[in-house]
Amino acid sequence: MRLSGEYIFRNQQIISEEDRRLTISFHPPFCLILRVARRAECVSLGVPSGRKGRKLNNLTLFAGCVAIWSTTWFAITFQLGSVAAEVSVAWRFLLAGLLVAGWCRLRGVQLRLRAADHGALAILGLTMYSAAYICVYRAEEHLASGLVAVGFSAAPLLAMFGMRLFFGQPLTVRMAAGSLFGIAGIVLVFWPEFARLSQSNGTAQGAILTLLAVLGSVFGGLLAHRNHQRGLHGVAAMAWSMGYGGLFALLISLALGRQIAIGTTPAYLLSLAYLAFVGTVAAFAAWLTLLGRIGPARASYVGVMVPVVALLISTAFENLAWHLLMIAGMLVSIAGNVLVLGDPRRQAAGAPAAPELQTKTPVGN
């Protein structure tokens, strides 16, 4: 059965030709969730996204994605304190994995995979959902959430160089220059923090943990791309990789002697539900709908706005003080992202940038 918009039904799964061309430069799991949400939308409507049953206009969808992914960074701060960061990460991804697995059951999606596939997804879960997020949570114990969001936005920029190095993906001069501009802007934002390293060990730890989170995300993204080349992707793969990430976070907690507990305060429980459900399922579904209506080139500007709004949230609720270098750094970083997003080859490839990043991507987290 063939639908307009190059949609193909295959093994009861809807796959678009545009999805096949996603290079996963900017956030592999993000692209994976795009497929999940697109399929859910097509199944529920029976047509490609944007043709019938529109209830939200494009501006509302754009603002919703920016609002959710900008606030997930601040929501993480409610997970810190009485419960160890490693344990909070475990609960988050165990819950997210169960939510996706439950969706698979409702839709009749097969969850059984080969033993070799489980090994690959376990490694992905360890790097992308366990180690990287533990570093993010720990970094926010020392730095304002908005600063961590800005730092983490380097992940999709570095991922392009990784894709070029390991998979031979084309990298134009414009994309390389935009990435360097973006990274230089991030350095400018953090420069006053670097100047205070001798006065505060916490600042140094936060900066190092943010860098480790970025590297973990990039490495996990490259693994996800390799899995995709092997045909290991889809809803079931996402459910298992998130579940493994939660399990590894739990094992790391035990190895470090952390107390296995869950917060009972409304702030902790609500932020956990927000991060696992709203920040993952609802936001990506809204992003997919927006992507289908206005295309990846325009929709990807969500990722440009997220770090800026995250900084404003930190200013309002975490007393983050702005300075000239921060303003200059944000402008340079935005300019770099615009250069990358405006590259004709990237637009032709159809690869969206993660706004989480993006953290959560996206840039959401």
Protein backbone atom coordinates (compact mmCIF):
# COMPACT_ATOMS: atom_id res chain seq x y z
CA MET A 1 0.00 0.00 0.00
CA ARG A 2 1.40 3.38 -0.97
CA LEU A 3 0.36 6.78 0.29
CA SER A 4 1.16 10.24 -1.00
CA GLY A 5 4.32 11.73 0.44
CA GLU A 6 6.35 8.59 -0.30
CA TYR A 7 5.06 6.60 2.69
CA ILE A 8 5.44 2.84 2.50
CA PHE A 9 3.87 0.18 4.72
CA ARG A 10 6.41 -2.48 5.55
CA ASN A 11 5.91 -5.16 8.21
CA GLN A 12 3.11 -3.06 9.69
CA GLN A 13 5.49 -0.14 10.11
CA ILE A 14 5.25 3.15 8.26
CA ILE A 15 8.57 4.38 6.97
CA SER A 16 9.02 7.50 4.86
CA GLU A 17 11.62 8.00 2.19
CA GLU A 18 12.59 11.24 3.94
CA ASP A 19 13.35 9.22 7.09
CA ARG A 20 15.67 7.00 5.06
CA ARG A 21 17.69 10.05 4.08
CA LEU A 22 18.16 11.30 7.64
CA THR A 23 21.91 11.39 8.09
CA ILE A 24 21.61 11.51 11.88
CA SER A 25 24.27 14.19 11.96
CA PHE A 26 22.54 16.18 14.62
CA HIS A 27 21.07 13.67 17.02
CA PRO A 28 20.53 9.99 16.14
CA PRO A 29 18.02 9.15 18.86
CA PHE A 30 16.19 12.33 17.97
CA CYS A 31 15.78 11.12 14.38
CA LEU A 32 14.69 7.74 15.74
CA ILE A 33 11.92 9.33 17.78
CA LEU A 34 10.85 11.27 14.68
CA ARG A 35 10.09 7.95 13.02
CA VAL A 36 8.17 6.77 16.05
CA ALA A 37 6.03 9.88 16.26
CA ARG A 38 5.46 10.04 12.51
CA ARG A 39 4.25 6.47 12.48
CA ALA A 40 1.95 7.13 15.42
CA GLU A 41 0.51 10.13 13.64
CA CYS A 42 -0.03 8.22 10.38
CA VAL A 43 -1.65 5.30 12.17
CA SER A 44 -4.02 7.56 14.09
CA LEU A 45 -4.99 9.73 11.12
CA GLY A 46 -4.56 7.26 8.28
CA VAL A 47 -2.77 9.90 6.20
CA PRO A 48 0.57 11.71 6.18
CA SER A 49 0.88 14.38 8.84
CA GLY A 50 -0.71 17.76 8.29
CA ARG A 51 -3.52 16.70 5.90
CA LYS A 52 -6.48 16.23 8.25
CA GLY A 53 -7.53 16.92 11.80
CA ARG A 54 -5.24 19.87 12.43
CA LYS A 55 -5.94 21.28 15.84
CA LEU A 56 -2.79 23.29 16.53
CA ASN A 57 -1.31 25.89 14.24
CA ASN A 58 2.38 25.92 13.35
CA LEU A 59 3.25 28.79 15.67
CA THR A 60 1.71 26.93 18.62
CA LEU A 61 3.66 23.77 17.78
CA PHE A 62 6.91 25.71 17.38
CA ALA A 63 6.40 27.56 20.66
CA GLY A 64 5.42 24.32 22.41
CA CYS A 65 8.60 22.53 21.34
CA VAL A 66 10.77 25.46 22.41
CA ALA A 67 8.94 25.80 25.73
CA ILE A 68 9.17 22.12 26.63
CA TRP A 69 12.76 21.53 25.59
CA SER A 70 13.90 24.79 27.20
CA THR A 71 12.33 23.86 30.53
CA THR A 72 13.58 20.27 30.72
CA TRP A 73 17.01 21.58 31.70
CA PHE A 74 15.49 23.47 34.63
CA ALA A 75 13.24 20.52 35.49
CA ILE A 76 16.36 18.44 36.12
CA THR A 77 17.22 20.69 39.07
CA PHE A 78 14.15 19.33 40.91
CA GLN A 79 15.63 15.85 40.58
CA LEU A 80 18.76 16.82 42.50
CA GLY A 81 19.28 16.84 46.24
CA SER A 82 17.68 14.10 48.33
CA VAL A 83 18.07 11.46 45.59
CA ALA A 84 21.43 10.74 43.96
CA ALA A 85 21.72 11.92 40.36
CA GLU A 86 22.55 8.41 39.15
CA VAL A 87 19.39 7.05 40.76
CA SER A 88 17.22 9.82 39.30
CA VAL A 89 18.57 9.05 35.83
CA ALA A 90 17.74 5.38 36.38
CA TRP A 91 14.11 6.12 37.32
CA ARG A 92 13.72 8.51 34.39
CA PHE A 93 14.81 6.10 31.68
CA LEU A 94 13.26 3.02 33.21
CA LEU A 95 9.96 4.93 33.19
CA ALA A 96 10.52 6.27 29.66
CA GLY A 97 11.44 2.80 28.41
CA LEU A 98 8.29 1.34 29.95
CA LEU A 99 6.16 4.07 28.38
CA VAL A 100 7.55 3.35 24.92
CA ALA A 101 7.28 -0.42 25.45
CA GLY A 102 3.66 0.02 26.52
CA TRP A 103 2.99 2.00 23.37
CA CYS A 104 4.54 -0.85 21.37
CA ARG A 105 2.19 -3.32 23.02
CA LEU A 106 -0.84 -1.19 22.30
CA ARG A 107 0.17 -0.84 18.65
CA GLY A 108 1.17 -4.47 18.24
CA VAL A 109 4.83 -3.66 17.57
CA GLN A 110 7.15 -6.64 18.06
CA LEU A 111 9.54 -6.17 20.99
CA ARG A 112 11.55 -9.34 20.43
CA LEU A 113 15.08 -8.79 19.13
CA ARG A 114 18.11 -10.95 18.47
CA ALA A 115 20.71 -11.42 21.21
CA ALA A 116 23.30 -9.50 19.16
CA ASP A 117 20.84 -6.61 18.82
CA HIS A 118 20.38 -6.48 22.57
CA GLY A 119 24.15 -6.15 22.99
CA ALA A 120 24.29 -3.21 20.60
CA LEU A 121 21.35 -1.48 22.25
CA ALA A 122 22.83 -2.07 25.71
CA ILE A 123 26.02 -0.25 24.68
CA LEU A 124 23.94 2.56 23.23
CA GLY A 125 21.92 2.81 26.43
CA LEU A 126 25.10 2.90 28.52
CA THR A 127 26.67 5.77 26.58
CA MET A 128 23.73 7.94 25.52
CA TYR A 129 21.07 7.46 28.17
CA SER A 130 23.14 6.50 31.21
CA ALA A 131 26.64 8.00 31.22
CA ALA A 132 25.79 11.19 29.29
CA TYR A 133 22.72 12.01 31.37
CA ILE A 134 24.44 11.23 34.66
CA CYS A 135 27.08 13.78 33.66
CA VAL A 136 24.35 16.31 32.79
CA TYR A 137 22.63 15.84 36.14
CA ARG A 138 25.93 16.11 38.04
CA ALA A 139 26.95 19.18 36.02
CA GLU A 140 23.74 20.95 37.06
CA GLU A 141 24.76 20.48 40.68
CA HIS A 142 27.57 22.98 40.00
CA LEU A 143 26.36 25.15 37.12
CA ALA A 144 23.12 26.89 36.21
CA SER A 145 20.94 24.67 34.03
CA GLY A 146 20.97 27.24 31.22
CA LEU A 147 24.77 27.16 31.02
CA VAL A 148 24.73 23.36 30.81
CA ALA A 149 22.14 23.61 28.02
CA VAL A 150 24.40 25.98 26.07
CA GLY A 151 27.41 23.72 26.61
CA PHE A 152 25.49 20.62 25.57
CA SER A 153 24.47 22.31 22.32
CA ALA A 154 28.00 21.55 21.10
CA ALA A 155 27.03 17.87 20.75
CA PRO A 156 25.29 18.09 17.35
CA LEU A 157 28.06 20.34 16.03
CA LEU A 158 30.78 17.89 17.06
CA ALA A 159 28.69 14.99 15.78
CA MET A 160 29.06 16.27 12.22
CA PHE A 161 32.84 15.91 12.45
CA GLY A 162 32.39 12.42 13.89
CA MET A 163 30.11 11.45 11.03
CA ARG A 164 32.68 12.75 8.56
CA LEU A 165 35.55 10.93 10.27
CA PHE A 166 33.92 7.54 10.83
CA PHE A 167 31.22 7.31 8.15
CA GLY A 168 32.46 9.59 5.38
CA GLN A 169 29.45 11.88 5.49
CA PRO A 170 29.98 15.03 3.38
CA LEU A 171 30.99 18.11 5.35
CA THR A 172 30.85 21.38 3.46
CA VAL A 173 33.00 24.39 4.24
CA ARG A 174 29.88 26.24 5.36
CA MET A 175 28.89 23.46 7.77
CA ALA A 176 32.43 23.27 9.18
CA ALA A 177 32.61 27.04 9.60
CA GLY A 178 29.18 27.12 11.24
CA SER A 179 30.18 24.38 13.67
CA LEU A 180 33.37 26.22 14.62
CA PHE A 181 31.38 29.43 15.12
CA GLY A 182 28.92 27.57 17.32
CA ILE A 183 31.66 26.03 19.46
CA ALA A 184 33.51 29.36 19.70
CA GLY A 185 30.29 30.99 20.93
CA ILE A 186 29.91 28.34 23.63
CA VAL A 187 33.49 28.98 24.77
CA LEU A 188 32.71 32.71 25.04
CA VAL A 189 29.61 32.00 27.15
CA PHE A 190 31.69 29.88 29.54
CA TRP A 191 34.77 32.11 29.54
CA PRO A 192 33.97 34.01 32.78
CA GLU A 193 33.32 30.63 34.43
CA PHE A 194 36.75 29.45 33.28
CA ALA A 195 38.27 32.58 34.83
CA ARG A 196 36.84 31.52 38.19
CA LEU A 197 38.19 27.97 38.07
CA SER A 198 40.95 28.78 40.56
CA GLN A 199 38.37 30.10 43.00
CA SER A 200 35.74 27.38 42.67
CA ASN A 201 36.29 23.65 42.29
CA GLY A 202 32.56 23.27 41.66
CA THR A 203 32.74 25.38 38.51
CA ALA A 204 35.60 23.26 37.19
CA GLN A 205 33.70 20.06 37.94
CA GLY A 206 30.58 21.40 36.22
CA ALA A 207 32.51 22.36 33.09
CA ILE A 208 34.29 19.00 32.92
CA LEU A 209 31.04 17.08 33.46
CA THR A 210 29.33 19.09 30.72
CA LEU A 211 32.18 18.23 28.34
CA LEU A 212 31.94 14.53 29.28
CA ALA A 213 28.18 14.65 28.69
CA VAL A 214 28.75 16.11 25.23
CA LEU A 215 31.33 13.46 24.35
CA GLY A 216 29.07 10.68 25.64
CA SER A 217 26.17 11.98 23.57
CA VAL A 218 28.31 12.25 20.43
CA PHE A 219 29.74 8.75 20.89
CA GLY A 220 26.27 7.35 21.52
CA GLY A 221 25.03 9.12 18.41
CA LEU A 222 27.71 7.48 16.29
CA LEU A 223 26.77 4.09 17.74
CA ALA A 224 23.12 4.76 16.93
CA HIS A 225 24.07 5.57 13.33
CA ARG A 226 25.97 2.30 13.05
CA ASN A 227 22.95 0.46 14.45
CA HIS A 228 20.76 2.20 11.90
CA GLN A 229 23.00 1.02 9.08
CA ARG A 230 22.53 -2.52 10.37
CA GLY A 231 18.77 -2.11 10.32
CA LEU A 232 18.54 -1.82 14.11
CA HIS A 233 16.13 1.06 14.67
CA GLY A 234 12.49 1.69 15.38
CA VAL A 235 10.20 1.88 18.38
CA ALA A 236 11.28 -1.41 19.93
CA ALA A 237 14.95 -0.46 19.69
CA MET A 238 14.23 2.85 21.42
CA ALA A 239 12.32 1.14 24.22
CA TRP A 240 15.12 -1.35 24.85
CA SER A 241 17.96 1.19 24.66
CA MET A 242 16.21 3.50 27.13
CA GLY A 243 15.49 0.56 29.42
CA TYR A 244 19.12 -0.56 29.29
CA GLY A 245 20.20 3.01 30.00
CA GLY A 246 18.04 3.03 33.11
CA LEU A 247 19.40 -0.35 34.23
CA PHE A 248 23.01 0.73 33.75
CA ALA A 249 22.34 3.91 35.72
CA LEU A 250 20.94 1.72 38.50
CA LEU A 251 24.03 -0.53 38.42
CA ILE A 252 26.31 2.52 38.50
CA SER A 253 24.36 3.76 41.52
CA LEU A 254 24.92 0.47 43.33
CA ALA A 255 28.61 0.39 42.38
CA LEU A 256 29.07 3.89 43.80
CA GLY A 257 27.19 3.04 46.96
CA ARG A 258 24.29 5.40 46.30
CA GLN A 259 21.11 4.90 48.25
CA ILE A 260 18.39 3.48 46.00
CA ALA A 261 15.39 5.65 46.76
CA ILE A 262 12.81 7.75 45.01
CA GLY A 263 11.77 11.25 46.00
CA THR A 264 8.30 11.55 47.48
CA THR A 265 7.89 15.31 47.22
CA PRO A 266 5.46 16.68 44.61
CA ALA A 267 8.31 18.61 42.97
CA TYR A 268 10.38 15.45 42.45
CA LEU A 269 7.55 13.27 41.21
CA LEU A 270 6.08 15.90 38.90
CA SER A 271 9.48 16.75 37.40
CA LEU A 272 10.18 13.04 36.86
CA ALA A 273 6.87 12.60 35.03
CA TYR A 274 7.50 15.78 33.05
CA LEU A 275 10.95 14.67 31.93
CA ALA A 276 9.93 11.11 31.06
CA PHE A 277 6.62 11.80 29.35
CA VAL A 278 6.21 15.45 28.34
CA GLY A 279 9.88 16.07 27.51
CA THR A 280 10.14 12.86 25.49
CA VAL A 281 6.81 11.70 24.08
CA ALA A 282 4.65 14.83 23.81
CA ALA A 283 7.39 17.19 22.66
CA PHE A 284 8.66 14.86 19.96
CA ALA A 285 5.13 14.24 18.70
CA ALA A 286 4.62 18.01 18.41
CA TRP A 287 8.01 18.38 16.72
CA LEU A 288 7.12 15.70 14.17
CA THR A 289 3.86 17.40 13.27
CA LEU A 290 5.72 20.68 12.82
CA LEU A 291 8.39 18.93 10.74
CA GLY A 292 5.77 17.48 8.43
CA ARG A 293 4.09 20.85 7.89
CA ILE A 294 7.01 23.25 7.39
CA GLY A 295 9.93 20.93 6.64
CA PRO A 296 13.18 20.18 8.53
CA ALA A 297 15.07 23.30 7.42
CA ARG A 298 12.60 25.67 9.11
CA ALA A 299 11.55 23.41 11.98
CA SER A 300 15.16 22.91 13.05
CA TYR A 301 15.32 26.54 14.20
CA VAL A 302 13.65 25.26 17.35
CA GLY A 303 17.17 24.14 18.28
CA VAL A 304 18.48 27.67 17.89
CA MET A 305 15.92 29.04 20.34
CA VAL A 306 16.15 26.40 23.08
CA PRO A 307 19.54 27.39 24.63
CA VAL A 308 18.53 31.07 24.58
CA VAL A 309 15.26 30.42 26.41
CA ALA A 310 17.02 28.02 28.79
CA LEU A 311 19.38 30.85 29.75
CA LEU A 312 16.46 33.20 30.32
CA ILE A 313 14.84 30.59 32.59
CA SER A 314 18.08 30.29 34.55
CA THR A 315 18.19 34.06 34.86
CA ALA A 316 14.67 34.17 36.28
CA PHE A 317 14.83 31.16 38.61
CA GLU A 318 18.52 30.49 39.30
CA ASN A 319 19.81 34.06 39.53
CA LEU A 320 22.15 33.61 36.57
CA ALA A 321 24.04 36.86 35.96
CA TRP A 322 24.49 37.92 32.34
CA HIS A 323 27.70 39.53 31.05
CA LEU A 324 28.90 40.91 27.74
CA LEU A 325 30.82 37.77 26.80
CA MET A 326 27.71 35.65 27.37
CA ILE A 327 25.67 37.87 25.07
CA ALA A 328 28.44 37.89 22.45
CA GLY A 329 28.83 34.12 22.75
CA MET A 330 25.13 33.48 22.26
CA LEU A 331 25.07 35.68 19.16
CA VAL A 332 28.12 33.91 17.69
CA SER A 333 26.67 30.49 18.52
CA ILE A 334 23.32 31.37 16.95
CA ALA A 335 25.11 32.63 13.84
CA GLY A 336 26.98 29.33 13.62
CA ASN A 337 23.77 27.33 13.89
CA VAL A 338 22.11 29.47 11.23
CA LEU A 339 25.07 28.83 8.91
CA VAL A 340 24.74 25.08 9.40
CA LEU A 341 20.95 25.04 9.07
CA GLY A 342 21.09 27.15 5.92
CA ASP A 343 23.56 24.85 4.13
CA PRO A 344 21.91 23.67 0.87
CA ARG A 345 23.43 20.17 1.10
CA ARG A 346 22.19 19.69 4.64
CA GLN A 347 18.71 20.75 3.58
CA ALA A 348 18.84 18.43 0.59
CA ALA A 349 19.78 15.55 2.86
CA GLY A 350 16.74 16.29 5.00
CA ALA A 351 18.60 15.95 8.27
CA PRO A 352 17.00 17.95 11.06
CA ALA A 353 19.05 19.43 13.81
CA ALA A 354 18.13 18.42 17.29
CA PRO A 355 16.62 21.26 19.25
CA GLU A 356 17.66 19.09 22.57
CA LEU A 357 20.19 19.70 22.12
CA GLN A 358 19.68 19.62 22.24
CA THR A 359 19.28 18.01 24.69
CA LYS A 360 16.79 17.76 25.61
CA THR A 361 18.15 17.75 22.95
CA PRO A 362 15.93 19.29 21.31
CA VAL A 363 18.33 20.97 22.59
CA GLY A 364 16.29 19.07 25.15
CA ASN A 365 17.40 16.80 27.91
